[in-house]
């Protein structure tokens, strides 16, 4: 089923010729179709570039979030490691108090000069130094300006108005301790206040 020119019978004879003739007759139509196709491609390219830019921005934000998360986790881990001994030290502090009271009592009763008392004082000081290596420090109190962040006022001592001692700690009733920069236990103190 081929015609004389050997074309398949399913084709319309001269259809290519007809399209060529139409193109010759109406050259603006082909140019406008090409312009429309070019415009559509430019629009598509612009849209794809905008999508790419949005994806790039989202990617950069996700990277920044991940970096911030890692830094926060590292800070939290360092904080946990720094204060990991807090519970143990809080449990040891009352033992330090009792040891100190026993040593002061021995001194008050004239037993402070014995070799045993001196050995216990040395052991006590060494114990404090060891705890200090882990960040435990006593809070300075007597003679210091009262600071509610570090001191707990449990008693008051009246002084004359305008006395330079006003607002200072006149006695430490119980030692306070800090671990690095965190208060484990505030110092209980007596504070000088102006007489009314």
C-alpha atoms as a PDB file:
ATOM      1  CA  UNK A   1       0.000   0.000   0.000  1.00  0.00           C
ATOM      2  CA  UNK A   2       2.495   2.539  -1.131  1.00  0.00           C
ATOM      3  CA  UNK A   3       1.707   5.302  -3.514  1.00  0.00           C
ATOM      4  CA  UNK A   4       3.800   6.220  -6.513  1.00  0.00           C
ATOM      5  CA  UNK A   5       6.354   8.148  -4.491  1.00  0.00           C
ATOM      6  CA  UNK A   6       6.824   5.233  -2.078  1.00  0.00           C
ATOM      7  CA  UNK A   7       5.119   6.998   0.800  1.00  0.00           C
ATOM      8  CA  UNK A   8       3.265   4.969   3.364  1.00  0.00           C
ATOM      9  CA  UNK A   9      -0.432   4.896   2.770  1.00  0.00           C
ATOM     10  CA  UNK A  10      -1.187   6.212   6.283  1.00  0.00           C
ATOM     11  CA  UNK A  11       0.326   9.613   5.491  1.00  0.00           C
ATOM     12  CA  UNK A  12      -1.483  12.401   3.839  1.00  0.00           C
ATOM     13  CA  UNK A  13       0.264  13.193   0.606  1.00  0.00           C
ATOM     14  CA  UNK A  14       1.789  16.625   0.564  1.00  0.00           C
ATOM     15  CA  UNK A  15       1.293  17.400   4.283  1.00  0.00           C
ATOM     16  CA  UNK A  16       4.920  18.494   4.680  1.00  0.00           C
ATOM     17  CA  UNK A  17       4.562  20.608   1.617  1.00  0.00           C
ATOM     18  CA  UNK A  18       1.395  22.163   3.023  1.00  0.00           C
ATOM     19  CA  UNK A  19       3.149  23.094   6.296  1.00  0.00           C
ATOM     20  CA  UNK A  20       6.019  24.647   4.378  1.00  0.00           C
ATOM     21  CA  UNK A  21       3.550  26.645   2.303  1.00  0.00           C
ATOM     22  CA  UNK A  22       1.737  27.828   5.446  1.00  0.00           C
ATOM     23  CA  UNK A  23       5.050  28.897   6.954  1.00  0.00           C
ATOM     24  CA  UNK A  24       5.888  30.825   3.816  1.00  0.00           C
ATOM     25  CA  UNK A  25       2.451  32.417   3.705  1.00  0.00           C
ATOM     26  CA  UNK A  26       2.393  33.423   7.433  1.00  0.00           C
ATOM     27  CA  UNK A  27       5.981  33.929   8.651  1.00  0.00           C
ATOM     28  CA  UNK A  28       4.807  35.987  11.677  1.00  0.00           C
ATOM     29  CA  UNK A  29       2.907  33.082  13.097  1.00  0.00           C
ATOM     30  CA  UNK A  30       5.977  30.909  13.213  1.00  0.00           C
ATOM     31  CA  UNK A  31       8.082  33.730  14.679  1.00  0.00           C
ATOM     32  CA  UNK A  32       5.437  34.464  17.310  1.00  0.00           C
ATOM     33  CA  UNK A  33       5.221  30.792  18.173  1.00  0.00           C
ATOM     34  CA  UNK A  34       8.996  30.728  18.523  1.00  0.00           C
ATOM     35  CA  UNK A  35       8.917  33.881  20.665  1.00  0.00           C
ATOM     36  CA  UNK A  36       6.193  32.359  22.847  1.00  0.00           C
ATOM     37  CA  UNK A  37       8.217  29.175  23.208  1.00  0.00           C
ATOM     38  CA  UNK A  38      11.332  31.201  24.066  1.00  0.00           C
ATOM     39  CA  UNK A  39       9.369  33.300  26.538  1.00  0.00           C
ATOM     40  CA  UNK A  40       7.961  30.155  28.129  1.00  0.00           C
ATOM     41  CA  UNK A  41      11.469  28.695  28.401  1.00  0.00           C
ATOM     42  CA  UNK A  42      12.755  31.929  29.969  1.00  0.00           C
ATOM     43  CA  UNK A  43       9.874  31.934  32.442  1.00  0.00           C
ATOM     44  CA  UNK A  44      10.535  28.286  33.269  1.00  0.00           C
ATOM     45  CA  UNK A  45      14.252  28.994  33.708  1.00  0.00           C
ATOM     46  CA  UNK A  46      13.485  31.953  36.003  1.00  0.00           C
ATOM     47  CA  UNK A  47      11.050  29.842  38.033  1.00  0.00           C
ATOM     48  CA  UNK A  48      13.586  27.025  38.373  1.00  0.00           C
ATOM     49  CA  UNK A  49      16.323  29.488  39.391  1.00  0.00           C
ATOM     50  CA  UNK A  50      14.016  30.929  42.052  1.00  0.00           C
ATOM     51  CA  UNK A  51      13.220  27.445  43.352  1.00  0.00           C
ATOM     52  CA  UNK A  52      16.932  26.629  43.394  1.00  0.00           C
ATOM     53  CA  UNK A  53      17.640  29.799  45.373  1.00  0.00           C
ATOM     54  CA  UNK A  54      14.873  28.943  47.865  1.00  0.00           C
ATOM     55  CA  UNK A  55      16.261  25.419  48.283  1.00  0.00           C
ATOM     56  CA  UNK A  56      19.759  26.835  48.724  1.00  0.00           C
ATOM     57  CA  UNK A  57      18.511  29.224  51.423  1.00  0.00           C
ATOM     58  CA  UNK A  58      16.667  26.387  53.177  1.00  0.00           C
ATOM     59  CA  UNK A  59      19.823  24.262  53.012  1.00  0.00           C
ATOM     60  CA  UNK A  60      21.956  27.050  54.490  1.00  0.00           C
ATOM     61  CA  UNK A  61      19.410  27.605  57.276  1.00  0.00           C
ATOM     62  CA  UNK A  62      19.380  23.876  58.042  1.00  0.00           C
ATOM     63  CA  UNK A  63      23.187  23.861  58.200  1.00  0.00           C
ATOM     64  CA  UNK A  64      23.169  26.852  60.545  1.00  0.00           C
ATOM     65  CA  UNK A  65      20.545  25.172  62.749  1.00  0.00           C
ATOM     66  CA  UNK A  66      22.644  22.003  62.865  1.00  0.00           C
ATOM     67  CA  UNK A  67      25.770  23.971  63.752  1.00  0.00           C
ATOM     68  CA  UNK A  68      23.887  25.808  66.538  1.00  0.00           C
ATOM     69  CA  UNK A  69      22.473  22.524  67.830  1.00  0.00           C
ATOM     70  CA  UNK A  70      25.944  20.952  67.964  1.00  0.00           C
ATOM     71  CA  UNK A  71      27.342  23.965  69.824  1.00  0.00           C
ATOM     72  CA  UNK A  72      24.445  23.908  72.292  1.00  0.00           C
ATOM     73  CA  UNK A  73      24.935  20.172  72.941  1.00  0.00           C
ATOM     74  CA  UNK A  74      28.679  20.693  73.484  1.00  0.00           C
ATOM     75  CA  UNK A  75      27.965  23.555  75.921  1.00  0.00           C
ATOM     76  CA  UNK A  76      25.419  21.430  77.801  1.00  0.00           C
ATOM     77  CA  UNK A  77      27.842  18.490  77.993  1.00  0.00           C
ATOM     78  CA  UNK A  78      30.608  20.758  79.286  1.00  0.00           C
ATOM     79  CA  UNK A  79      28.184  22.212  81.849  1.00  0.00           C
ATOM     80  CA  UNK A  80      27.145  18.742  82.988  1.00  0.00           C
ATOM     81  CA  UNK A  81      30.763  17.629  83.306  1.00  0.00           C
ATOM     82  CA  UNK A  82      31.659  20.787  85.219  1.00  0.00           C
ATOM     83  CA  UNK A  83      28.898  20.300  87.784  1.00  0.00           C
ATOM     84  CA  UNK A  84      28.747  16.486  87.818  1.00  0.00           C
ATOM     85  CA  UNK A  85      30.186  16.376  91.340  1.00  0.00           C
ATOM     86  CA  UNK A  86      27.666  18.843  92.788  1.00  0.00           C
ATOM     87  CA  UNK A  87      25.499  16.226  94.530  1.00  0.00           C
ATOM     88  CA  UNK A  88      28.508  14.465  96.043  1.00  0.00           C
ATOM     89  CA  UNK A  89      29.976  17.730  97.292  1.00  0.00           C
ATOM     90  CA  UNK A  90      26.643  18.845  98.749  1.00  0.00           C
ATOM     91  CA  UNK A  91      26.549  15.573 100.681  1.00  0.00           C
ATOM     92  CA  UNK A  92      30.132  16.072 101.952  1.00  0.00           C
ATOM     93  CA  UNK A  93      29.636  19.664 103.176  1.00  0.00           C
ATOM     94  CA  UNK A  94      27.842  18.707 106.441  1.00  0.00           C
ATOM     95  CA  UNK A  95      30.724  16.355 107.228  1.00  0.00           C
ATOM     96  CA  UNK A  96      33.124  19.263 106.735  1.00  0.00           C
ATOM     97  CA  UNK A  97      30.980  21.335 109.107  1.00  0.00           C
ATOM     98  CA  UNK A  98      31.097  18.687 111.817  1.00  0.00           C
ATOM     99  CA  UNK A  99      34.835  18.175 111.423  1.00  0.00           C
ATOM    100  CA  UNK A 100      35.423  21.918 111.676  1.00  0.00           C
ATOM    101  CA  UNK A 101      33.180  22.197 114.756  1.00  0.00           C
ATOM    102  CA  UNK A 102      35.042  19.331 116.439  1.00  0.00           C
ATOM    103  CA  UNK A 103      38.394  20.994 115.751  1.00  0.00           C
ATOM    104  CA  UNK A 104      37.168  24.376 117.047  1.00  0.00           C
ATOM    105  CA  UNK A 105      35.805  22.709 120.165  1.00  0.00           C
ATOM    106  CA  UNK A 106      39.149  21.006 120.749  1.00  0.00           C
ATOM    107  CA  UNK A 107      40.902  24.388 120.467  1.00  0.00           C
ATOM    108  CA  UNK A 108      38.470  26.073 122.839  1.00  0.00           C
ATOM    109  CA  UNK A 109      39.021  23.388 125.464  1.00  0.00           C
ATOM    110  CA  UNK A 110      42.795  23.626 125.284  1.00  0.00           C
ATOM    111  CA  UNK A 111      43.214  20.410 123.333  1.00  0.00           C
ATOM    112  CA  UNK A 112      44.060  22.208 120.098  1.00  0.00           C
ATOM    113  CA  UNK A 113      47.806  21.965 120.571  1.00  0.00           C
ATOM    114  CA  UNK A 114      48.000  18.216 120.840  1.00  0.00           C
ATOM    115  CA  UNK A 115      49.653  16.228 118.088  1.00  0.00           C
ATOM    116  CA  UNK A 116      46.311  14.548 117.322  1.00  0.00           C
ATOM    117  CA  UNK A 117      44.501  17.879 116.910  1.00  0.00           C
ATOM    118  CA  UNK A 118      47.309  19.227 114.701  1.00  0.00           C
ATOM    119  CA  UNK A 119      47.153  16.084 112.533  1.00  0.00           C
ATOM    120  CA  UNK A 120      43.384  16.415 112.178  1.00  0.00           C
ATOM    121  CA  UNK A 121      43.744  20.119 111.222  1.00  0.00           C
ATOM    122  CA  UNK A 122      46.301  19.180 108.567  1.00  0.00           C
ATOM    123  CA  UNK A 123      43.985  16.466 107.268  1.00  0.00           C
ATOM    124  CA  UNK A 124      41.066  18.920 107.230  1.00  0.00           C
ATOM    125  CA  UNK A 125      43.064  21.520 105.276  1.00  0.00           C
ATOM    126  CA  UNK A 126      44.273  18.881 102.808  1.00  0.00           C
ATOM    127  CA  UNK A 127      40.688  17.696 102.357  1.00  0.00           C
ATOM    128  CA  UNK A 128      39.592  21.279 101.582  1.00  0.00           C
ATOM    129  CA  UNK A 129      42.480  21.672  99.110  1.00  0.00           C
ATOM    130  CA  UNK A 130      41.490  18.440  97.358  1.00  0.00           C
ATOM    131  CA  UNK A 131      37.887  19.561  97.088  1.00  0.00           C
ATOM    132  CA  UNK A 132      39.155  22.910  95.797  1.00  0.00           C
ATOM    133  CA  UNK A 133      40.836  21.112  92.897  1.00  0.00           C
ATOM    134  CA  UNK A 134      37.343  20.032  91.833  1.00  0.00           C
ATOM    135  CA  UNK A 135      36.028  23.607  92.048  1.00  0.00           C
ATOM    136  CA  UNK A 136      34.634  23.722  95.605  1.00  0.00           C
ATOM    137  CA  UNK A 137      35.494  26.955  97.418  1.00  0.00           C
ATOM    138  CA  UNK A 138      34.263  28.449 100.688  1.00  0.00           C
ATOM    139  CA  UNK A 139      32.342  31.709 100.327  1.00  0.00           C
ATOM    140  CA  UNK A 140      34.120  34.651 101.977  1.00  0.00           C
ATOM    141  CA  UNK A 141      31.797  36.080 104.599  1.00  0.00           C
ATOM    142  CA  UNK A 142      33.068  37.853 107.717  1.00  0.00           C
ATOM    143  CA  UNK A 143      33.953  41.474 106.973  1.00  0.00           C
ATOM    144  CA  UNK A 144      32.465  41.284 103.460  1.00  0.00           C
ATOM    145  CA  UNK A 145      29.582  43.423 102.203  1.00  0.00           C
ATOM    146  CA  UNK A 146      26.364  41.422 102.537  1.00  0.00           C
ATOM    147  CA  UNK A 147      25.468  39.853  99.185  1.00  0.00           C
ATOM    148  CA  UNK A 148      22.150  37.947  99.079  1.00  0.00           C
ATOM    149  CA  UNK A 149      23.468  35.877  96.173  1.00  0.00           C
ATOM    150  CA  UNK A 150      26.089  34.338  98.487  1.00  0.00           C
ATOM    151  CA  UNK A 151      24.952  35.106 102.021  1.00  0.00           C
ATOM    152  CA  UNK A 152      21.835  34.191 103.966  1.00  0.00           C
ATOM    153  CA  UNK A 153      21.130  36.653 106.791  1.00  0.00           C
ATOM    154  CA  UNK A 154      19.932  34.706 109.825  1.00  0.00           C
ATOM    155  CA  UNK A 155      20.814  37.275 112.493  1.00  0.00           C
ATOM    156  CA  UNK A 156      21.416  40.999 112.741  1.00  0.00           C
ATOM    157  CA  UNK A 157      23.646  43.220 114.795  1.00  0.00           C
ATOM    158  CA  UNK A 158      22.602  46.807 115.375  1.00  0.00           C
ATOM    159  CA  UNK A 159      25.184  49.508 114.808  1.00  0.00           C
ATOM    160  CA  UNK A 160      25.014  53.309 114.958  1.00  0.00           C
ATOM    161  CA  UNK A 161      23.570  54.931 111.838  1.00  0.00           C
ATOM    162  CA  UNK A 162      26.376  55.852 109.443  1.00  0.00           C
ATOM    163  CA  UNK A 163      28.745  53.266 110.952  1.00  0.00           C
ATOM    164  CA  UNK A 164      31.061  51.959 108.207  1.00  0.00           C
ATOM    165  CA  UNK A 165      30.216  48.399 109.254  1.00  0.00           C
ATOM    166  CA  UNK A 166      26.582  48.914 108.272  1.00  0.00           C
ATOM    167  CA  UNK A 167      25.560  46.390 105.613  1.00  0.00           C
ATOM    168  CA  UNK A 168      28.559  44.155 106.203  1.00  0.00           C
ATOM    169  CA  UNK A 169      28.768  40.652 107.597  1.00  0.00           C
ATOM    170  CA  UNK A 170      29.876  40.743 111.234  1.00  0.00           C
ATOM    171  CA  UNK A 171      29.956  36.984 111.816  1.00  0.00           C
ATOM    172  CA  UNK A 172      29.783  33.773 109.840  1.00  0.00           C
ATOM    173  CA  UNK A 173      27.448  31.322 111.545  1.00  0.00           C
ATOM    174  CA  UNK A 174      27.728  28.548 108.957  1.00  0.00           C
ATOM    175  CA  UNK A 175      30.172  28.334 106.061  1.00  0.00           C
ATOM    176  CA  UNK A 176      28.864  28.618 102.553  1.00  0.00           C
ATOM    177  CA  UNK A 177      30.348  26.972  99.472  1.00  0.00           C
ATOM    178  CA  UNK A 178      30.391  27.529  95.714  1.00  0.00           C
ATOM    179  CA  UNK A 179      31.178  25.001  93.010  1.00  0.00           C
ATOM    180  CA  UNK A 180      32.980  26.952  90.282  1.00  0.00           C
ATOM    181  CA  UNK A 181      30.515  29.857  90.034  1.00  0.00           C
ATOM    182  CA  UNK A 182      27.360  28.127  91.326  1.00  0.00           C
ATOM    183  CA  UNK A 183      26.319  28.466  94.965  1.00  0.00           C
ATOM    184  CA  UNK A 184      25.908  25.041  96.562  1.00  0.00           C
ATOM    185  CA  UNK A 185      25.044  26.475  99.943  1.00  0.00           C
ATOM    186  CA  UNK A 186      24.905  30.145 100.954  1.00  0.00           C
ATOM    187  CA  UNK A 187      26.838  31.250 104.020  1.00  0.00           C
ATOM    188  CA  UNK A 188      24.599  31.901 107.026  1.00  0.00           C
ATOM    189  CA  UNK A 189      25.672  35.226 108.490  1.00  0.00           C
ATOM    190  CA  UNK A 190      24.994  37.988 110.979  1.00  0.00           C
ATOM    191  CA  UNK A 191      24.631  41.389 109.297  1.00  0.00           C
ATOM    192  CA  UNK A 192      25.238  44.851 110.714  1.00  0.00           C
ATOM    193  CA  UNK A 193      22.148  47.063 110.406  1.00  0.00           C
ATOM    194  CA  UNK A 194      21.560  50.656 111.491  1.00  0.00           C
ATOM    195  CA  UNK A 195      19.901  51.102 114.868  1.00  0.00           C
ATOM    196  CA  UNK A 196      16.428  52.594 114.514  1.00  0.00           C
END
